Amino acid sequence: MDRASYRYEPRPDRNAQLREELVKLARQKPRYGYRRLHAVLERRGEAVNVKRVYRLYAAEGLAVRRRRRKRRVRERVAEPRLIRANQELAMDFIVKGWANGRMVRILSVVDAFTRECLALEADTSLGSGRVTRALDRPIEDRRARPAGEHSLGQRPEFASRRMLGWAEERKIHLVQIQPGRPMQDGHVESFHGRLRDECLNVSWFRTLNDVRRTLDEYREEYNCERPHSSLAYRTPAEFRRALGYGDVESKERFPHLHSPDDDGGEIYSPTNLNRETPVIAG
């Protein structure tokens, strides 16, 4: 045996503290990938290279398993270029079951430019009246700024007489997406994927109040704490403030949508026939 090998003493692991913190963070957020975990670590003051995080991430077996799906290649439809907040608001429903087997419907409203979640309305039944009341608050918050489109999914609530009357009263034009093309409204579909993966699938709901409380907490985390990859791993709140639109999460801006709302303001938007969800335009 070589003398150098015989006298060699292993050096202590200089990544021990980082490894422990990474594993702890990955257990708290099991659906975060190594890039998003790296962004969270940097926000906590850890000056570490993303390649080192990846090596530790792979060595600890923390990779998120994703099932690859076969996708049919279709001709892409031209979409409008998003250049400002409130240019397009996307909304649709998602369903989640309780512990007793009952189902709850969740209406989500997302700003397609800032990726900001504006509303998460949950109830066992959400008719067109509840939908219009839930939309009044985001519209009222934006009446002082130029408004854009509201992209809506293929739902009967979005095509009801009450909804059409509400839109006519506020000079809003609804444009339905093409049937069977949910990714024309990809922003809200992407948000629903994150919502189900990071919140709904890891929560156990016993009552409707549990659902609403959990959704309120996730909406605040999504807007103010969760780094978004399409925003250079900034939160929607940071991105919005960088554009000069002010704070995202405030009590005035986000009241509990389960209580009655005041009358909303007016918005205007051109018609867009290429969208997959109904678009609200003036």
Protein backbone atom coordinates (compact mmCIF):
# COMPACT_ATOMS: atom_id res chain seq x y z
CA MET A 1 0.00 0.00 0.00
CA ASP A 2 1.26 3.46 -0.85
CA ARG A 3 2.38 5.56 2.13
CA ALA A 4 0.20 8.50 1.04
CA SER A 5 -2.86 6.27 0.90
CA TYR A 6 -2.08 4.77 4.30
CA ARG A 7 -1.80 8.18 5.97
CA TYR A 8 -4.73 9.79 4.18
CA GLU A 9 -7.47 11.15 6.44
CA PRO A 10 -10.82 12.06 4.87
CA ARG A 11 -11.81 15.68 5.03
CA PRO A 12 -15.06 16.67 6.75
CA ASP A 13 -18.09 17.16 4.52
CA ARG A 14 -18.30 20.90 3.85
CA ASN A 15 -21.80 20.45 2.47
CA ALA A 16 -23.24 18.85 5.61
CA GLN A 17 -25.19 21.92 6.74
CA LEU A 18 -26.40 22.70 3.22
CA ARG A 19 -27.36 19.07 2.68
CA GLU A 20 -29.37 19.02 5.92
CA GLU A 21 -31.15 22.26 5.08
CA LEU A 22 -31.88 21.08 1.53
CA VAL A 23 -33.37 17.79 2.72
CA LYS A 24 -35.46 19.59 5.34
CA LEU A 25 -36.76 22.06 2.76
CA ALA A 26 -37.48 19.30 0.24
CA ARG A 27 -39.54 17.43 2.82
CA GLN A 28 -41.55 20.56 3.51
CA LYS A 29 -42.08 21.16 -0.22
CA PRO A 30 -41.87 17.69 -1.80
CA ARG A 31 -43.06 18.88 -5.21
CA TYR A 32 -40.37 21.56 -5.64
CA GLY A 33 -37.56 20.83 -8.11
CA TYR A 34 -33.91 21.62 -7.46
CA ARG A 35 -34.06 24.99 -9.25
CA ARG A 36 -36.99 26.21 -7.15
CA LEU A 37 -35.33 24.87 -3.99
CA HIS A 38 -32.17 26.76 -4.98
CA ALA A 39 -34.21 29.94 -5.38
CA VAL A 40 -35.73 29.46 -1.91
CA LEU A 41 -32.29 28.86 -0.39
CA GLU A 42 -30.97 32.05 -1.96
CA ARG A 43 -33.94 33.97 -0.58
CA ARG A 44 -32.95 32.68 2.86
CA GLY A 45 -29.41 34.05 2.47
CA GLU A 46 -27.59 30.92 1.27
CA ALA A 47 -24.96 31.90 -1.32
CA VAL A 48 -24.67 28.57 -3.12
CA ASN A 49 -24.25 27.58 -6.76
CA VAL A 50 -27.19 25.86 -8.41
CA LYS A 51 -24.90 23.03 -9.63
CA ARG A 52 -23.93 22.19 -6.06
CA VAL A 53 -27.60 22.14 -5.09
CA TYR A 54 -28.27 19.78 -7.99
CA ARG A 55 -25.48 17.39 -6.94
CA LEU A 56 -26.79 17.23 -3.38
CA TYR A 57 -30.37 17.01 -4.67
CA ALA A 58 -29.49 14.01 -6.84
CA ALA A 59 -27.29 12.36 -4.20
CA GLU A 60 -30.12 12.44 -1.66
CA GLY A 61 -32.64 11.06 -4.14
CA LEU A 62 -34.95 14.07 -3.91
CA ALA A 63 -35.90 14.18 -7.59
CA VAL A 64 -39.60 14.63 -8.28
CA ARG A 65 -40.99 11.82 -10.36
CA ARG A 66 -42.99 13.05 -13.33
CA ARG A 67 -44.90 10.84 -15.69
CA ARG A 68 -44.28 11.67 -19.32
CA ARG A 69 -47.46 11.82 -21.34
CA LYS A 70 -47.82 11.34 -25.04
CA ARG A 71 -48.96 14.57 -26.61
CA ARG A 72 -50.48 15.07 -30.00
CA VAL A 73 -48.71 17.69 -32.08
CA ARG A 74 -51.13 20.36 -33.28
CA GLU A 75 -50.77 23.63 -35.06
CA ARG A 76 -50.41 26.39 -32.52
CA VAL A 77 -52.90 29.23 -32.49
CA ALA A 78 -51.47 32.74 -32.37
CA GLU A 79 -51.86 34.23 -28.90
CA PRO A 80 -51.76 37.87 -27.86
CA ARG A 81 -48.49 39.16 -26.47
CA LEU A 82 -48.79 40.02 -22.80
CA ILE A 83 -47.08 43.32 -21.99
CA ARG A 84 -48.78 44.58 -18.81
CA ALA A 85 -50.69 43.54 -15.73
CA ASN A 86 -54.47 43.22 -16.09
CA GLN A 87 -54.17 42.65 -19.82
CA GLU A 88 -55.64 39.17 -19.41
CA LEU A 89 -57.29 37.46 -16.45
CA ALA A 90 -57.79 33.71 -16.74
CA MET A 91 -60.35 31.78 -14.69
CA ASP A 92 -61.79 28.29 -14.47
CA PHE A 93 -63.05 25.66 -11.99
CA ILE A 94 -61.29 22.79 -10.26
CA VAL A 95 -62.89 20.06 -8.12
CA LYS A 96 -61.63 18.50 -4.86
CA GLY A 97 -63.18 15.85 -2.60
CA TRP A 98 -63.65 16.03 1.19
CA ALA A 99 -62.97 13.31 3.71
CA ASN A 100 -66.68 12.40 3.69
CA GLY A 101 -66.75 11.96 -0.09
CA ARG A 102 -68.50 15.22 -0.96
CA MET A 103 -67.03 17.38 -3.69
CA VAL A 104 -66.16 21.07 -3.51
CA ARG A 105 -65.78 23.36 -6.52
CA ILE A 106 -63.05 26.00 -6.58
CA LEU A 107 -63.11 29.05 -8.83
CA SER A 108 -59.64 30.45 -9.50
CA VAL A 109 -58.78 33.79 -11.10
CA VAL A 110 -55.20 34.39 -12.31
CA ASP A 111 -53.49 37.39 -13.90
CA ALA A 112 -51.79 35.91 -16.97
CA PHE A 113 -49.00 38.52 -17.01
CA THR A 114 -47.95 38.75 -13.35
CA ARG A 115 -49.02 35.12 -12.56
CA GLU A 116 -50.81 36.58 -9.53
CA CYS A 117 -53.69 34.57 -8.06
CA LEU A 118 -56.49 37.09 -7.56
CA ALA A 119 -59.19 34.84 -6.11
CA LEU A 120 -59.90 31.30 -4.92
CA GLU A 121 -63.62 30.89 -4.27
CA ALA A 122 -64.69 27.51 -2.82
CA ASP A 123 -68.14 26.05 -2.20
CA THR A 124 -70.17 22.92 -2.87
CA SER A 125 -72.03 24.81 -5.58
CA LEU A 126 -70.89 27.88 -7.48
CA GLY A 127 -73.60 29.26 -9.70
CA SER A 128 -73.33 32.20 -12.05
CA GLY A 129 -74.37 34.58 -9.25
CA ARG A 130 -71.46 33.53 -7.06
CA VAL A 131 -69.13 33.76 -10.05
CA THR A 132 -70.11 37.35 -10.82
CA ARG A 133 -69.79 38.37 -7.17
CA ALA A 134 -66.34 36.78 -7.03
CA LEU A 135 -65.30 38.70 -10.16
CA ASP A 136 -66.55 42.05 -8.92
CA ARG A 137 -63.68 42.49 -6.46
CA PRO A 138 -60.74 42.02 -8.90
CA ILE A 139 -62.50 44.24 -11.45
CA GLU A 140 -63.13 46.93 -8.84
CA ASP A 141 -59.47 46.87 -7.84
CA ARG A 142 -58.51 47.50 -11.48
CA ARG A 143 -60.99 50.19 -12.52
CA ALA A 144 -58.34 52.92 -12.10
CA ARG A 145 -56.04 51.22 -14.63
CA PRO A 146 -56.57 50.16 -18.25
CA ALA A 147 -58.09 46.70 -18.30
CA GLY A 148 -57.58 43.83 -20.70
CA GLU A 149 -59.12 40.40 -21.29
CA HIS A 150 -60.78 37.85 -19.06
CA SER A 151 -60.14 34.33 -20.28
CA LEU A 152 -62.76 31.81 -19.14
CA GLY A 153 -63.15 28.07 -19.44
CA GLN A 154 -65.88 26.11 -21.20
CA ARG A 155 -68.40 26.14 -18.34
CA PRO A 156 -72.19 26.70 -18.34
CA GLU A 157 -71.79 29.29 -15.56
CA PHE A 158 -69.78 31.47 -17.94
CA ALA A 159 -72.49 31.35 -20.61
CA SER A 160 -75.59 31.84 -18.42
CA ARG A 161 -78.03 34.73 -18.76
CA ARG A 162 -76.90 36.18 -15.45
CA MET A 163 -73.28 36.17 -16.60
CA LEU A 164 -74.18 37.69 -19.96
CA GLY A 165 -76.26 40.37 -18.24
CA TRP A 166 -73.45 41.11 -15.80
CA ALA A 167 -71.00 41.46 -18.68
CA GLU A 168 -73.40 43.64 -20.68
CA GLU A 169 -73.93 45.95 -17.72
CA ARG A 170 -70.17 46.47 -17.35
CA LYS A 171 -69.54 46.59 -21.10
CA ILE A 172 -67.55 43.37 -21.03
CA HIS A 173 -67.46 41.00 -23.98
CA LEU A 174 -67.20 37.25 -23.31
CA VAL A 175 -65.32 35.06 -25.78
CA GLN A 176 -65.49 31.30 -25.25
CA ILE A 177 -62.46 29.11 -25.87
CA GLN A 178 -62.63 26.38 -28.47
CA PRO A 179 -64.20 23.17 -27.15
CA GLY A 180 -61.70 20.50 -26.18
CA ARG A 181 -58.73 22.89 -26.23
CA PRO A 182 -58.01 23.65 -22.54
CA MET A 183 -54.42 24.75 -23.19
CA GLN A 184 -55.65 27.81 -25.04
CA ASP A 185 -56.20 28.93 -21.45
CA GLY A 186 -52.85 27.54 -20.38
CA HIS A 187 -52.14 30.02 -17.59
CA VAL A 188 -55.03 28.91 -15.40
CA GLU A 189 -54.45 25.26 -16.34
CA SER A 190 -50.83 25.58 -15.22
CA PHE A 191 -51.94 27.22 -11.99
CA HIS A 192 -54.41 24.40 -11.36
CA GLY A 193 -51.59 21.91 -11.78
CA ARG A 194 -49.52 23.67 -9.10
CA LEU A 195 -52.56 24.12 -6.88
CA ARG A 196 -53.47 20.44 -7.00
CA ASP A 197 -49.87 19.21 -6.75
CA GLU A 198 -48.71 21.47 -3.90
CA CYS A 199 -51.92 22.08 -1.96
CA LEU A 200 -54.97 19.93 -2.69
CA ASN A 201 -53.21 16.56 -3.01
CA VAL A 202 -51.29 17.02 0.26
CA SER A 203 -54.25 18.31 2.34
CA TRP A 204 -57.03 16.47 4.14
CA PHE A 205 -60.28 18.44 4.30
CA ARG A 206 -63.05 17.72 6.79
CA THR A 207 -65.18 20.83 6.40
CA LEU A 208 -65.71 23.63 3.93
CA ASN A 209 -63.98 26.04 6.30
CA ASP A 210 -60.88 23.84 6.13
CA VAL A 211 -60.89 24.16 2.35
CA ARG A 212 -61.28 27.94 2.41
CA ARG A 213 -58.65 28.44 5.10
CA THR A 214 -56.14 26.24 3.25
CA LEU A 215 -56.81 28.01 -0.05
CA ASP A 216 -56.32 31.43 1.56
CA GLU A 217 -52.98 30.31 3.00
CA TYR A 218 -51.85 28.83 -0.31
CA ARG A 219 -52.89 31.94 -2.26
CA GLU A 220 -50.81 34.12 0.05
CA GLU A 221 -47.85 31.73 -0.23
CA TYR A 222 -48.21 31.54 -4.03
CA ASN A 223 -48.29 35.32 -4.42
CA CYS A 224 -45.69 36.33 -1.83
CA GLU A 225 -43.36 33.38 -1.12
CA ARG A 226 -43.29 30.85 -3.98
CA PRO A 227 -40.64 31.60 -6.66
CA HIS A 228 -42.05 31.40 -10.19
CA SER A 229 -39.80 30.05 -12.93
CA SER A 230 -41.31 32.22 -15.69
CA LEU A 231 -40.67 35.34 -13.57
CA ALA A 232 -36.93 34.62 -13.17
CA TYR A 233 -37.72 32.85 -9.88
CA ARG A 234 -39.33 35.92 -8.39
CA THR A 235 -42.67 35.84 -6.64
CA PRO A 236 -45.68 37.47 -8.34
CA ALA A 237 -45.61 40.11 -5.59
CA GLU A 238 -41.98 40.99 -6.32
CA PHE A 239 -42.60 41.03 -10.06
CA ARG A 240 -45.61 43.27 -9.67
CA ARG A 241 -43.76 45.71 -7.43
CA ALA A 242 -40.85 45.78 -9.89
CA LEU A 243 -43.30 46.95 -12.55
CA GLY A 244 -44.61 49.68 -10.28
CA TYR A 245 -48.09 48.24 -9.68
CA GLY A 246 -47.84 48.29 -5.89
CA ASP A 247 -48.29 45.55 -3.31
CA VAL A 248 -50.15 42.37 -4.26
CA GLU A 249 -51.26 40.97 -0.93
CA SER A 250 -53.10 43.59 1.08
CA LYS A 251 -56.25 43.41 3.14
CA GLU A 252 -57.95 45.95 0.91
CA ARG A 253 -56.99 44.10 -2.25
CA PHE A 254 -57.79 40.58 -1.02
CA PRO A 255 -60.77 40.47 1.35
CA HIS A 256 -62.54 37.20 2.03
CA LEU A 257 -64.49 36.56 -1.14
CA HIS A 258 -66.99 34.43 0.76
CA SER A 259 -68.72 37.58 2.01
CA PRO A 260 -70.96 39.87 -0.13
CA ASP A 261 -69.06 42.22 -2.41
CA ASP A 262 -69.74 45.73 -3.58
CA ASP A 263 -70.53 46.61 -7.20
CA GLY A 264 -67.48 46.38 -9.40
CA GLY A 265 -65.99 48.84 -11.87
CA GLU A 266 -65.77 48.71 -15.64
CA ILE A 267 -63.12 47.12 -17.78
CA TYR A 268 -62.51 47.19 -21.51
CA SER A 269 -60.81 44.69 -23.76
CA PRO A 270 -60.82 43.79 -27.48
CA THR A 271 -62.38 40.55 -28.65
CA ASN A 272 -60.01 37.63 -29.04
CA LEU A 273 -61.32 34.71 -31.06
CA ASN A 274 -58.12 32.68 -30.72
CA ARG A 275 -58.43 32.08 -26.98
CA GLU A 276 -59.58 28.80 -25.56
CA THR A 277 -61.57 30.26 -22.68
CA PRO A 278 -64.23 32.95 -22.83
CA VAL A 279 -62.55 36.31 -22.91
CA ILE A 280 -64.11 39.31 -21.27
CA ALA A 281 -63.64 42.35 -23.43
CA GLY A 282 -65.29 45.67 -23.72
